[in-house]
């Protein structure tokens, strides 16, 4: 893998993570302001996972997985109910594009043998 290819993968990775983070934050804030239950569950779930990281690594990884699935289910429910709003379907589109780009970068790095 040449230096130019690694640089392109780095840019795709950086842009995908930025797009993923911003779209997730927009969806979370949209859910928070339109349905308080979903917003509070996601915020307190993240707070609980951060608190568990300070206690035990094994507990925190299991808790993060459970909370990630729970948060994705809640945000998915919110997105399904409000899909016709532009503040919901545009971040969902960016989220899907970012995930596809991240999978592509992961596979390219894995095929190059750069992952341990």
PDB file of N, CA and C in Angstrom:
ATOM      1  N   UNK A   1       0.853  -1.168   0.000  1.00  0.00           N
ATOM      2  CA  UNK A   1       0.000   0.000   0.000  1.00  0.00           C
ATOM      3  C   UNK A   1       0.901   1.234   0.000  1.00  0.00           C
ATOM      4  N   UNK A   2       0.645   2.121  -0.940  1.00  0.00           N
ATOM      5  CA  UNK A   2       1.493   3.305  -1.069  1.00  0.00           C
ATOM      6  C   UNK A   2       1.088   4.384  -0.065  1.00  0.00           C
ATOM      7  N   UNK A   3       1.939   5.393   0.035  1.00  0.00           N
ATOM      8  CA  UNK A   3       1.684   6.499   0.962  1.00  0.00           C
ATOM      9  C   UNK A   3       0.442   7.290   0.547  1.00  0.00           C
ATOM     10  N   UNK A   4       0.208   7.408  -0.745  1.00  0.00           N
ATOM     11  CA  UNK A   4      -0.970   8.129  -1.216  1.00  0.00           C
ATOM     12  C   UNK A   4      -2.259   7.395  -0.852  1.00  0.00           C
ATOM     13  N   UNK A   5      -2.238   6.072  -0.971  1.00  0.00           N
ATOM     14  CA  UNK A   5      -3.416   5.282  -0.599  1.00  0.00           C
ATOM     15  C   UNK A   5      -3.701   5.385   0.896  1.00  0.00           C
ATOM     16  N   UNK A   6      -2.648   5.360   1.700  1.00  0.00           N
ATOM     17  CA  UNK A   6      -2.835   5.498   3.141  1.00  0.00           C
ATOM     18  C   UNK A   6      -3.379   6.879   3.476  1.00  0.00           C
ATOM     19  N   UNK A   7      -2.909   7.897   2.771  1.00  0.00           N
ATOM     20  CA  UNK A   7      -3.412   9.257   3.004  1.00  0.00           C
ATOM     21  C   UNK A   7      -4.885   9.367   2.613  1.00  0.00           C
ATOM     22  N   UNK A   8      -5.270   8.762   1.496  1.00  0.00           N
ATOM     23  CA  UNK A   8      -6.678   8.775   1.082  1.00  0.00           C
ATOM     24  C   UNK A   8      -7.539   8.052   2.113  1.00  0.00           C
ATOM     25  N   UNK A   9      -7.069   6.899   2.582  1.00  0.00           N
ATOM     26  CA  UNK A   9      -7.815   6.168   3.601  1.00  0.00           C
ATOM     27  C   UNK A   9      -7.932   6.981   4.889  1.00  0.00           C
ATOM     28  N   UNK A  10      -6.882   7.710   5.232  1.00  0.00           N
ATOM     29  CA  UNK A  10      -6.938   8.567   6.419  1.00  0.00           C
ATOM     30  C   UNK A  10      -7.971   9.667   6.275  1.00  0.00           C
ATOM     31  N   UNK A  11      -8.038  10.284   5.089  1.00  0.00           N
ATOM     32  CA  UNK A  11      -9.030  11.335   4.859  1.00  0.00           C
ATOM     33  C   UNK A  11     -10.446  10.772   4.875  1.00  0.00           C
ATOM     34  N   UNK A  12     -10.636   9.625   4.237  1.00  0.00           N
ATOM     35  CA  UNK A  12     -11.966   9.003   4.241  1.00  0.00           C
ATOM     36  C   UNK A  12     -12.366   8.631   5.659  1.00  0.00           C
ATOM     37  N   UNK A  13     -11.423   8.109   6.426  1.00  0.00           N
ATOM     38  CA  UNK A  13     -11.696   7.756   7.813  1.00  0.00           C
ATOM     39  C   UNK A  13     -12.061   8.992   8.632  1.00  0.00           C
ATOM     40  N   UNK A  14     -11.296  10.063   8.484  1.00  0.00           N
ATOM     41  CA  UNK A  14     -11.569  11.288   9.242  1.00  0.00           C
ATOM     42  C   UNK A  14     -12.923  11.889   8.870  1.00  0.00           C
ATOM     43  N   UNK A  15     -13.216  11.972   7.583  1.00  0.00           N
ATOM     44  CA  UNK A  15     -14.494  12.543   7.144  1.00  0.00           C
ATOM     45  C   UNK A  15     -15.669  11.660   7.554  1.00  0.00           C
ATOM     46  N   UNK A  16     -15.486  10.355   7.513  1.00  0.00           N
ATOM     47  CA  UNK A  16     -16.563   9.445   7.909  1.00  0.00           C
ATOM     48  C   UNK A  16     -16.853   9.550   9.398  1.00  0.00           C
ATOM     49  N   UNK A  17     -15.816   9.621  10.209  1.00  0.00           N
ATOM     50  CA  UNK A  17     -16.027   9.754  11.650  1.00  0.00           C
ATOM     51  C   UNK A  17     -16.692  11.092  11.971  1.00  0.00           C
ATOM     52  N   UNK A  18     -16.280  12.161  11.292  1.00  0.00           N
ATOM     53  CA  UNK A  18     -16.932  13.463  11.501  1.00  0.00           C
ATOM     54  C   UNK A  18     -18.396  13.418  11.088  1.00  0.00           C
ATOM     55  N   UNK A  19     -18.677  12.844   9.917  1.00  0.00           N
ATOM     56  CA  UNK A  19     -20.059  12.746   9.457  1.00  0.00           C
ATOM     57  C   UNK A  19     -20.897  11.888  10.381  1.00  0.00           C
ATOM     58  N   UNK A  20     -20.330  10.782  10.840  1.00  0.00           N
ATOM     59  CA  UNK A  20     -21.031   9.902  11.767  1.00  0.00           C
ATOM     60  C   UNK A  20     -21.326  10.608  13.083  1.00  0.00           C
ATOM     61  N   UNK A  21     -20.345  11.314  13.624  1.00  0.00           N
ATOM     62  CA  UNK A  21     -20.524  12.001  14.905  1.00  0.00           C
ATOM     63  C   UNK A  21     -21.553  13.118  14.813  1.00  0.00           C
ATOM     64  N   UNK A  22     -21.467  13.923  13.770  1.00  0.00           N
ATOM     65  CA  UNK A  22     -22.394  15.047  13.627  1.00  0.00           C
ATOM     66  C   UNK A  22     -23.812  14.549  13.377  1.00  0.00           C
ATOM     67  N   UNK A  23     -23.969  13.556  12.522  1.00  0.00           N
ATOM     68  CA  UNK A  23     -25.323  13.060  12.246  1.00  0.00           C
ATOM     69  C   UNK A  23     -25.913  12.383  13.473  1.00  0.00           C
ATOM     70  N   UNK A  24     -25.105  11.642  14.238  1.00  0.00           N
ATOM     71  CA  UNK A  24     -25.600  11.019  15.460  1.00  0.00           C
ATOM     72  C   UNK A  24     -26.004  12.086  16.465  1.00  0.00           C
ATOM     73  N   UNK A  25     -25.198  13.147  16.590  1.00  0.00           N
ATOM     74  CA  UNK A  25     -25.532  14.220  17.523  1.00  0.00           C
ATOM     75  C   UNK A  25     -26.815  14.938  17.101  1.00  0.00           C
ATOM     76  N   UNK A  26     -26.994  15.170  15.818  1.00  0.00           N
ATOM     77  CA  UNK A  26     -28.221  15.821  15.350  1.00  0.00           C
ATOM     78  C   UNK A  26     -29.433  14.939  15.643  1.00  0.00           C
ATOM     79  N   UNK A  27     -29.320  13.650  15.366  1.00  0.00           N
ATOM     80  CA  UNK A  27     -30.433  12.740  15.662  1.00  0.00           C
ATOM     81  C   UNK A  27     -30.721  12.684  17.158  1.00  0.00           C
ATOM     82  N   UNK A  28     -29.669  12.659  17.968  1.00  0.00           N
ATOM     83  CA  UNK A  28     -29.855  12.618  19.414  1.00  0.00           C
ATOM     84  C   UNK A  28     -30.517  13.887  19.929  1.00  0.00           C
ATOM     85  N   UNK A  29     -30.074  15.031  19.444  1.00  0.00           N
ATOM     86  CA  UNK A  29     -30.676  16.296  19.886  1.00  0.00           C
ATOM     87  C   UNK A  29     -32.109  16.436  19.365  1.00  0.00           C
ATOM     88  N   UNK A  30     -32.349  15.990  18.153  1.00  0.00           N
ATOM     89  CA  UNK A  30     -33.706  16.023  17.608  1.00  0.00           C
ATOM     90  C   UNK A  30     -34.630  15.135  18.434  1.00  0.00           C
ATOM     91  N   UNK A  31     -34.142  13.960  18.798  1.00  0.00           N
ATOM     92  CA  UNK A  31     -34.935  13.065  19.646  1.00  0.00           C
ATOM     93  C   UNK A  31     -35.141  13.670  21.022  1.00  0.00           C
ATOM     94  N   UNK A  32     -34.110  14.325  21.543  1.00  0.00           N
ATOM     95  CA  UNK A  32     -34.202  14.923  22.873  1.00  0.00           C
ATOM     96  C   UNK A  32     -35.248  16.037  22.913  1.00  0.00           C
ATOM     97  N   UNK A  33     -35.293  16.860  21.874  1.00  0.00           N
ATOM     98  CA  UNK A  33     -36.230  17.982  21.884  1.00  0.00           C
ATOM     99  C   UNK A  33     -37.643  17.601  21.468  1.00  0.00           C
ATOM    100  N   UNK A  34     -37.807  16.464  20.790  1.00  0.00           N
ATOM    101  CA  UNK A  34     -39.146  16.069  20.372  1.00  0.00           C
ATOM    102  C   UNK A  34     -39.749  14.954  21.220  1.00  0.00           C
ATOM    103  N   UNK A  35     -38.911  14.121  21.780  1.00  0.00           N
ATOM    104  CA  UNK A  35     -39.403  13.054  22.642  1.00  0.00           C
ATOM    105  C   UNK A  35     -38.419  12.930  23.801  1.00  0.00           C
ATOM    106  N   UNK A  36     -38.740  13.553  24.900  1.00  0.00           N
ATOM    107  CA  UNK A  36     -37.828  13.648  26.045  1.00  0.00           C
ATOM    108  C   UNK A  36     -37.390  12.282  26.561  1.00  0.00           C
ATOM    109  N   UNK A  37     -38.258  11.279  26.493  1.00  0.00           N
ATOM    110  CA  UNK A  37     -37.903   9.958  27.013  1.00  0.00           C
ATOM    111  C   UNK A  37     -36.707   9.376  26.280  1.00  0.00           C
ATOM    112  N   UNK A  38     -36.697   9.475  24.955  1.00  0.00           N
ATOM    113  CA  UNK A  38     -35.594   8.928  24.175  1.00  0.00           C
ATOM    114  C   UNK A  38     -34.312   9.695  24.453  1.00  0.00           C
ATOM    115  N   UNK A  39     -34.396  11.002  24.473  1.00  0.00           N
ATOM    116  CA  UNK A  39     -33.216  11.818  24.735  1.00  0.00           C
ATOM    117  C   UNK A  39     -32.615  11.546  26.096  1.00  0.00           C
ATOM    118  N   UNK A  40     -33.455  11.485  27.127  1.00  0.00           N
ATOM    119  CA  UNK A  40     -32.943  11.223  28.471  1.00  0.00           C
ATOM    120  C   UNK A  40     -32.355   9.818  28.578  1.00  0.00           C
ATOM    121  N   UNK A  41     -32.988   8.851  27.942  1.00  0.00           N
ATOM    122  CA  UNK A  41     -32.458   7.480  27.991  1.00  0.00           C
ATOM    123  C   UNK A  41     -31.079   7.418  27.349  1.00  0.00           C
ATOM    124  N   UNK A  42     -30.891   8.092  26.231  1.00  0.00           N
ATOM    125  CA  UNK A  42     -29.594   8.073  25.555  1.00  0.00           C
ATOM    126  C   UNK A  42     -28.534   8.827  26.355  1.00  0.00           C
ATOM    127  N   UNK A  43     -28.898   9.979  26.896  1.00  0.00           N
ATOM    128  CA  UNK A  43     -27.940  10.768  27.670  1.00  0.00           C
ATOM    129  C   UNK A  43     -27.542  10.033  28.947  1.00  0.00           C
ATOM    130  N   UNK A  44     -28.510   9.521  29.688  1.00  0.00           N
ATOM    131  CA  UNK A  44     -28.183   8.821  30.927  1.00  0.00           C
ATOM    132  C   UNK A  44     -27.514   7.480  30.656  1.00  0.00           C
ATOM    133  N   UNK A  45     -27.810   6.862  29.524  1.00  0.00           N
ATOM    134  CA  UNK A  45     -27.108   5.640  29.147  1.00  0.00           C
ATOM    135  C   UNK A  45     -25.631   5.899  28.908  1.00  0.00           C
ATOM    136  N   UNK A  46     -25.324   6.969  28.204  1.00  0.00           N
ATOM    137  CA  UNK A  46     -23.925   7.347  27.992  1.00  0.00           C
ATOM    138  C   UNK A  46     -23.230   7.715  29.285  1.00  0.00           C
ATOM    139  N   UNK A  47     -23.935   8.408  30.174  1.00  0.00           N
ATOM    140  CA  UNK A  47     -23.373   8.771  31.471  1.00  0.00           C
ATOM    141  C   UNK A  47     -23.105   7.521  32.311  1.00  0.00           C
ATOM    142  N   UNK A  48     -24.027   6.579  32.282  1.00  0.00           N
ATOM    143  CA  UNK A  48     -23.842   5.341  33.029  1.00  0.00           C
ATOM    144  C   UNK A  48     -22.669   4.535  32.507  1.00  0.00           C
ATOM    145  N   UNK A  49     -22.492   4.503  31.181  1.00  0.00           N
ATOM    146  CA  UNK A  49     -21.364   3.781  30.603  1.00  0.00           C
ATOM    147  C   UNK A  49     -20.041   4.453  30.967  1.00  0.00           C
ATOM    148  N   UNK A  50     -20.008   5.782  30.957  1.00  0.00           N
ATOM    149  CA  UNK A  50     -18.794   6.492  31.338  1.00  0.00           C
ATOM    150  C   UNK A  50     -18.462   6.245  32.808  1.00  0.00           C
ATOM    151  N   UNK A  51     -19.474   6.190  33.640  1.00  0.00           N
ATOM    152  CA  UNK A  51     -19.263   5.912  35.056  1.00  0.00           C
ATOM    153  C   UNK A  51     -18.746   4.485  35.249  1.00  0.00           C
ATOM    154  N   UNK A  52     -19.256   3.541  34.481  1.00  0.00           N
ATOM    155  CA  UNK A  52     -18.814   2.150  34.595  1.00  0.00           C
ATOM    156  C   UNK A  52     -17.367   1.984  34.145  1.00  0.00           C
ATOM    157  N   UNK A  53     -16.907   2.815  33.232  1.00  0.00           N
ATOM    158  CA  UNK A  53     -15.516   2.728  32.786  1.00  0.00           C
ATOM    159  C   UNK A  53     -14.550   3.030  33.923  1.00  0.00           C
ATOM    160  N   UNK A  54     -14.960   3.887  34.833  1.00  0.00           N
ATOM    161  CA  UNK A  54     -14.112   4.192  35.972  1.00  0.00           C
ATOM    162  C   UNK A  54     -14.080   3.084  36.996  1.00  0.00           C
ATOM    163  N   UNK A  55     -15.060   2.205  36.975  1.00  0.00           N
ATOM    164  CA  UNK A  55     -15.150   1.138  37.969  1.00  0.00           C
ATOM    165  C   UNK A  55     -14.426  -0.120  37.495  1.00  0.00           C
ATOM    166  N   UNK A  56     -14.819  -0.636  36.337  1.00  0.00           N
ATOM    167  CA  UNK A  56     -14.250  -1.897  35.868  1.00  0.00           C
ATOM    168  C   UNK A  56     -14.298  -1.940  34.352  1.00  0.00           C
ATOM    169  N   UNK A  57     -13.217  -2.418  33.755  1.00  0.00           N
ATOM    170  CA  UNK A  57     -13.154  -2.484  32.301  1.00  0.00           C
ATOM    171  C   UNK A  57     -14.097  -3.542  31.735  1.00  0.00           C
ATOM    172  N   UNK A  58     -14.178  -4.704  32.386  1.00  0.00           N
ATOM    173  CA  UNK A  58     -15.042  -5.778  31.894  1.00  0.00           C
ATOM    174  C   UNK A  58     -16.510  -5.385  31.991  1.00  0.00           C
ATOM    175  N   UNK A  59     -16.883  -4.762  33.094  1.00  0.00           N
ATOM    176  CA  UNK A  59     -18.273  -4.316  33.260  1.00  0.00           C
ATOM    177  C   UNK A  59     -18.596  -3.239  32.239  1.00  0.00           C
ATOM    178  N   UNK A  60     -17.659  -2.313  32.041  1.00  0.00           N
ATOM    179  CA  UNK A  60     -17.944  -1.205  31.146  1.00  0.00           C
ATOM    180  C   UNK A  60     -18.107  -1.659  29.707  1.00  0.00           C
ATOM    181  N   UNK A  61     -17.317  -2.641  29.237  1.00  0.00           N
ATOM    182  CA  UNK A  61     -17.471  -3.111  27.856  1.00  0.00           C
ATOM    183  C   UNK A  61     -18.814  -3.798  27.653  1.00  0.00           C
ATOM    184  N   UNK A  62     -19.214  -4.614  28.584  1.00  0.00           N
ATOM    185  CA  UNK A  62     -20.525  -5.254  28.486  1.00  0.00           C
ATOM    186  C   UNK A  62     -21.645  -4.241  28.555  1.00  0.00           C
ATOM    187  N   UNK A  63     -21.497  -3.272  29.467  1.00  0.00           N
ATOM    188  CA  UNK A  63     -22.511  -2.239  29.615  1.00  0.00           C
ATOM    189  C   UNK A  63     -22.583  -1.357  28.363  1.00  0.00           C
ATOM    190  N   UNK A  64     -21.433  -1.048  27.779  1.00  0.00           N
ATOM    191  CA  UNK A  64     -21.425  -0.239  26.558  1.00  0.00           C
ATOM    192  C   UNK A  64     -22.129  -0.954  25.412  1.00  0.00           C
ATOM    193  N   UNK A  65     -21.939  -2.247  25.286  1.00  0.00           N
ATOM    194  CA  UNK A  65     -22.608  -2.998  24.231  1.00  0.00           C
ATOM    195  C   UNK A  65     -24.123  -3.006  24.427  1.00  0.00           C
ATOM    196  N   UNK A  66     -24.548  -3.247  25.651  1.00  0.00           N
ATOM    197  CA  UNK A  66     -25.986  -3.249  25.941  1.00  0.00           C
ATOM    198  C   UNK A  66     -26.576  -1.862  25.699  1.00  0.00           C
ATOM    199  N   UNK A  67     -25.881  -0.822  26.159  1.00  0.00           N
ATOM    200  CA  UNK A  67     -26.386   0.539  25.976  1.00  0.00           C
ATOM    201  C   UNK A  67     -26.363   0.960  24.515  1.00  0.00           C
ATOM    202  N   UNK A  68     -25.367   0.520  23.767  1.00  0.00           N
ATOM    203  CA  UNK A  68     -25.324   0.857  22.348  1.00  0.00           C
ATOM    204  C   UNK A  68     -26.509   0.247  21.606  1.00  0.00           C
ATOM    205  N   UNK A  69     -26.818  -0.996  21.897  1.00  0.00           N
ATOM    206  CA  UNK A  69     -27.974  -1.645  21.269  1.00  0.00           C
ATOM    207  C   UNK A  69     -29.265  -0.938  21.688  1.00  0.00           C
ATOM    208  N   UNK A  70     -29.375  -0.610  22.972  1.00  0.00           N
ATOM    209  CA  UNK A  70     -30.563   0.084  23.478  1.00  0.00           C
ATOM    210  C   UNK A  70     -30.715   1.461  22.838  1.00  0.00           C
ATOM    211  N   UNK A  71     -29.604   2.222  22.760  1.00  0.00           N
ATOM    212  CA  UNK A  71     -29.653   3.549  22.146  1.00  0.00           C
ATOM    213  C   UNK A  71     -29.994   3.457  20.662  1.00  0.00           C
ATOM    214  N   UNK A  72     -29.402   2.497  19.968  1.00  0.00           N
ATOM    215  CA  UNK A  72     -29.724   2.334  18.546  1.00  0.00           C
ATOM    216  C   UNK A  72     -31.185   1.972  18.338  1.00  0.00           C
ATOM    217  N   UNK A  73     -31.730   1.156  19.217  1.00  0.00           N
ATOM    218  CA  UNK A  73     -33.150   0.802  19.108  1.00  0.00           C
ATOM    219  C   UNK A  73     -34.035   2.024  19.338  1.00  0.00           C
ATOM    220  N   UNK A  74     -33.690   2.832  20.345  1.00  0.00           N
ATOM    221  CA  UNK A  74     -34.496   4.026  20.622  1.00  0.00           C
ATOM    222  C   UNK A  74     -34.399   5.056  19.505  1.00  0.00           C
ATOM    223  N   UNK A  75     -33.190   5.292  19.015  1.00  0.00           N
ATOM    224  CA  UNK A  75     -33.031   6.246  17.918  1.00  0.00           C
ATOM    225  C   UNK A  75     -33.680   5.699  16.655  1.00  0.00           C
ATOM    226  N   UNK A  76     -33.593   4.397  16.432  1.00  0.00           N
ATOM    227  CA  UNK A  76     -34.270   3.786  15.283  1.00  0.00           C
ATOM    228  C   UNK A  76     -35.777   3.950  15.362  1.00  0.00           C
ATOM    229  N   UNK A  77     -36.332   3.775  16.559  1.00  0.00           N
ATOM    230  CA  UNK A  77     -37.766   3.980  16.755  1.00  0.00           C
ATOM    231  C   UNK A  77     -38.152   5.430  16.478  1.00  0.00           C
ATOM    232  N   UNK A  78     -37.357   6.354  16.993  1.00  0.00           N
ATOM    233  CA  UNK A  78     -37.617   7.777  16.747  1.00  0.00           C
ATOM    234  C   UNK A  78     -37.516   8.094  15.252  1.00  0.00           C
ATOM    235  N   UNK A  79     -36.484   7.570  14.583  1.00  0.00           N
ATOM    236  CA  UNK A  79     -36.301   7.838  13.158  1.00  0.00           C
ATOM    237  C   UNK A  79     -37.433   7.236  12.340  1.00  0.00           C
ATOM    238  N   UNK A  80     -37.916   6.066  12.723  1.00  0.00           N
ATOM    239  CA  UNK A  80     -39.021   5.435  12.012  1.00  0.00           C
ATOM    240  C   UNK A  80     -40.295   6.265  12.142  1.00  0.00           C
ATOM    241  N   UNK A  81     -40.540   6.804  13.350  1.00  0.00           N
ATOM    242  CA  UNK A  81     -41.753   7.592  13.573  1.00  0.00           C
ATOM    243  C   UNK A  81     -41.696   8.955  12.898  1.00  0.00           C
ATOM    244  N   UNK A  82     -40.506   9.547  12.743  1.00  0.00           N
ATOM    245  CA  UNK A  82     -40.362  10.910  12.213  1.00  0.00           C
ATOM    246  C   UNK A  82     -39.546  10.948  10.923  1.00  0.00           C
ATOM    247  N   UNK A  83     -39.633   9.910  10.111  1.00  0.00           N
ATOM    248  CA  UNK A  83     -38.776   9.805   8.932  1.00  0.00           C
ATOM    249  C   UNK A  83     -39.043  10.889   7.894  1.00  0.00           C
ATOM    250  N   UNK A  84     -40.222  11.437   7.842  1.00  0.00           N
ATOM    251  CA  UNK A  84     -40.571  12.419   6.807  1.00  0.00           C
ATOM    252  C   UNK A  84     -39.987  13.800   7.060  1.00  0.00           C
ATOM    253  N   UNK A  85     -39.447  14.047   8.228  1.00  0.00           N
ATOM    254  CA  UNK A  85     -38.858  15.357   8.540  1.00  0.00           C
ATOM    255  C   UNK A  85     -37.425  15.418   8.004  1.00  0.00           C
ATOM    256  N   UNK A  86     -37.045  16.552   7.375  1.00  0.00           N
ATOM    257  CA  UNK A  86     -35.672  16.668   6.856  1.00  0.00           C
ATOM    258  C   UNK A  86     -34.607  16.603   7.950  1.00  0.00           C
ATOM    259  N   UNK A  87     -34.934  17.044   9.149  1.00  0.00           N
ATOM    260  CA  UNK A  87     -33.958  16.973  10.241  1.00  0.00           C
ATOM    261  C   UNK A  87     -33.759  15.550  10.743  1.00  0.00           C
ATOM    262  N   UNK A  88     -34.487  14.610  10.187  1.00  0.00           N
ATOM    263  CA  UNK A  88     -34.296  13.203  10.552  1.00  0.00           C
ATOM    264  C   UNK A  88     -33.716  12.417   9.380  1.00  0.00           C
ATOM    265  N   UNK A  89     -34.277  12.577   8.174  1.00  0.00           N
ATOM    266  CA  UNK A  89     -33.798  11.724   7.089  1.00  0.00           C
ATOM    267  C   UNK A  89     -32.454  12.170   6.508  1.00  0.00           C
ATOM    268  N   UNK A  90     -32.100  13.441   6.605  1.00  0.00           N
ATOM    269  CA  UNK A  90     -30.778  13.867   6.127  1.00  0.00           C
ATOM    270  C   UNK A  90     -29.660  13.309   7.020  1.00  0.00           C
ATOM    271  N   UNK A  91     -29.751  13.437   8.368  1.00  0.00           N
ATOM    272  CA  UNK A  91     -28.712  12.803   9.197  1.00  0.00           C
ATOM    273  C   UNK A  91     -28.679  11.277   9.061  1.00  0.00           C
ATOM    274  N   UNK A  92     -29.828  10.647   8.850  1.00  0.00           N
ATOM    275  CA  UNK A  92     -29.831   9.202   8.637  1.00  0.00           C
ATOM    276  C   UNK A  92     -29.089   8.824   7.356  1.00  0.00           C
ATOM    277  N   UNK A  93     -29.273   9.618   6.310  1.00  0.00           N
ATOM    278  CA  UNK A  93     -28.574   9.385   5.057  1.00  0.00           C
ATOM    279  C   UNK A  93     -27.061   9.540   5.247  1.00  0.00           C
ATOM    280  N   UNK A  94     -26.649  10.601   5.948  1.00  0.00           N
ATOM    281  CA  UNK A  94     -25.225  10.822   6.224  1.00  0.00           C
ATOM    282  C   UNK A  94     -24.672   9.698   7.096  1.00  0.00           C
ATOM    283  N   UNK A  95     -25.468   9.237   8.049  1.00  0.00           N
ATOM    284  CA  UNK A  95     -25.061   8.150   8.934  1.00  0.00           C
ATOM    285  C   UNK A  95     -24.810   6.873   8.140  1.00  0.00           C
ATOM    286  N   UNK A  96     -25.689   6.549   7.229  1.00  0.00           N
ATOM    287  CA  UNK A  96     -25.530   5.334   6.414  1.00  0.00           C
ATOM    288  C   UNK A  96     -24.303   5.455   5.507  1.00  0.00           C
ATOM    289  N   UNK A  97     -24.119   6.616   4.866  1.00  0.00           N
ATOM    290  CA  UNK A  97     -22.957   6.830   3.998  1.00  0.00           C
ATOM    291  C   UNK A  97     -21.661   6.714   4.801  1.00  0.00           C
ATOM    292  N   UNK A  98     -21.648   7.275   6.014  1.00  0.00           N
ATOM    293  CA  UNK A  98     -20.451   7.226   6.863  1.00  0.00           C
ATOM    294  C   UNK A  98     -20.133   5.798   7.292  1.00  0.00           C
ATOM    295  N   UNK A  99     -21.146   5.035   7.640  1.00  0.00           N
ATOM    296  CA  UNK A  99     -20.919   3.647   8.051  1.00  0.00           C
ATOM    297  C   UNK A  99     -20.391   2.826   6.881  1.00  0.00           C
ATOM    298  N   UNK A 100     -20.932   3.033   5.693  1.00  0.00           N
ATOM    299  CA  UNK A 100     -20.447   2.309   4.512  1.00  0.00           C
ATOM    300  C   UNK A 100     -18.989   2.675   4.227  1.00  0.00           C
ATOM    301  N   UNK A 101     -18.657   3.958   4.344  1.00  0.00           N
ATOM    302  CA  UNK A 101     -17.274   4.390   4.118  1.00  0.00           C
ATOM    303  C   UNK A 101     -16.335   3.808   5.167  1.00  0.00           C
ATOM    304  N   UNK A 102     -16.775   3.744   6.419  1.00  0.00           N
ATOM    305  CA  UNK A 102     -15.938   3.164   7.474  1.00  0.00           C
ATOM    306  C   UNK A 102     -15.714   1.673   7.250  1.00  0.00           C
ATOM    307  N   UNK A 103     -16.732   0.974   6.796  1.00  0.00           N
ATOM    308  CA  UNK A 103     -16.574  -0.455   6.493  1.00  0.00           C
ATOM    309  C   UNK A 103     -15.594  -0.641   5.339  1.00  0.00           C
ATOM    310  N   UNK A 104     -15.679   0.230   4.334  1.00  0.00           N
ATOM    311  CA  UNK A 104     -14.766   0.165   3.199  1.00  0.00           C
ATOM    312  C   UNK A 104     -13.320   0.387   3.652  1.00  0.00           C
ATOM    313  N   UNK A 105     -13.090   1.404   4.482  1.00  0.00           N
ATOM    314  CA  UNK A 105     -11.745   1.684   4.988  1.00  0.00           C
ATOM    315  C   UNK A 105     -11.235   0.512   5.821  1.00  0.00           C
ATOM    316  N   UNK A 106     -12.092  -0.025   6.669  1.00  0.00           N
ATOM    317  CA  UNK A 106     -11.695  -1.163   7.507  1.00  0.00           C
ATOM    318  C   UNK A 106     -11.257  -2.349   6.648  1.00  0.00           C
ATOM    319  N   UNK A 107     -12.027  -2.638   5.614  1.00  0.00           N
ATOM    320  CA  UNK A 107     -11.688  -3.770   4.748  1.00  0.00           C
ATOM    321  C   UNK A 107     -10.393  -3.530   3.990  1.00  0.00           C
ATOM    322  N   UNK A 108     -10.181  -2.306   3.515  1.00  0.00           N
ATOM    323  CA  UNK A 108      -8.942  -1.988   2.787  1.00  0.00           C
ATOM    324  C   UNK A 108      -7.729  -2.128   3.697  1.00  0.00           C
ATOM    325  N   UNK A 109      -7.855  -1.645   4.938  1.00  0.00           N
ATOM    326  CA  UNK A 109      -6.736  -1.742   5.883  1.00  0.00           C
ATOM    327  C   UNK A 109      -6.509  -3.204   6.261  1.00  0.00           C
ATOM    328  N   UNK A 110      -7.585  -3.951   6.424  1.00  0.00           N
ATOM    329  CA  UNK A 110      -7.460  -5.364   6.769  1.00  0.00           C
ATOM    330  C   UNK A 110      -6.812  -6.156   5.633  1.00  0.00           C
ATOM    331  N   UNK A 111      -7.221  -5.894   4.391  1.00  0.00           N
ATOM    332  CA  UNK A 111      -6.634  -6.593   3.245  1.00  0.00           C
ATOM    333  C   UNK A 111      -5.164  -6.231   3.043  1.00  0.00           C
ATOM    334  N   UNK A 112      -4.779  -5.016   3.454  1.00  0.00           N
ATOM    335  CA  UNK A 112      -3.387  -4.610   3.332  1.00  0.00           C
ATOM    336  C   UNK A 112      -2.524  -5.230   4.426  1.00  0.00           C
ATOM    337  N   UNK A 113      -3.165  -5.826   5.438  1.00  0.00           N
ATOM    338  CA  UNK A 113      -2.407  -6.466   6.503  1.00  0.00           C
ATOM    339  C   UNK A 113      -1.914  -5.504   7.566  1.00  0.00           C
ATOM    340  N   UNK A 114      -2.534  -4.344   7.665  1.00  0.00           N
ATOM    341  CA  UNK A 114      -2.095  -3.346   8.642  1.00  0.00           C
ATOM    342  C   UNK A 114      -2.766  -3.480   9.989  1.00  0.00           C
ATOM    343  N   UNK A 115      -3.787  -4.339  10.084  1.00  0.00           N
ATOM    344  CA  UNK A 115      -4.444  -4.557  11.364  1.00  0.00           C
ATOM    345  C   UNK A 115      -3.751  -5.694  12.114  1.00  0.00           C
ATOM    346  N   UNK A 116      -3.649  -5.559  13.429  1.00  0.00           N
ATOM    347  CA  UNK A 116      -2.982  -6.642  14.179  1.00  0.00           C
ATOM    348  C   UNK A 116      -3.828  -7.902  14.250  1.00  0.00           C
TER     349      UNK A 116
END
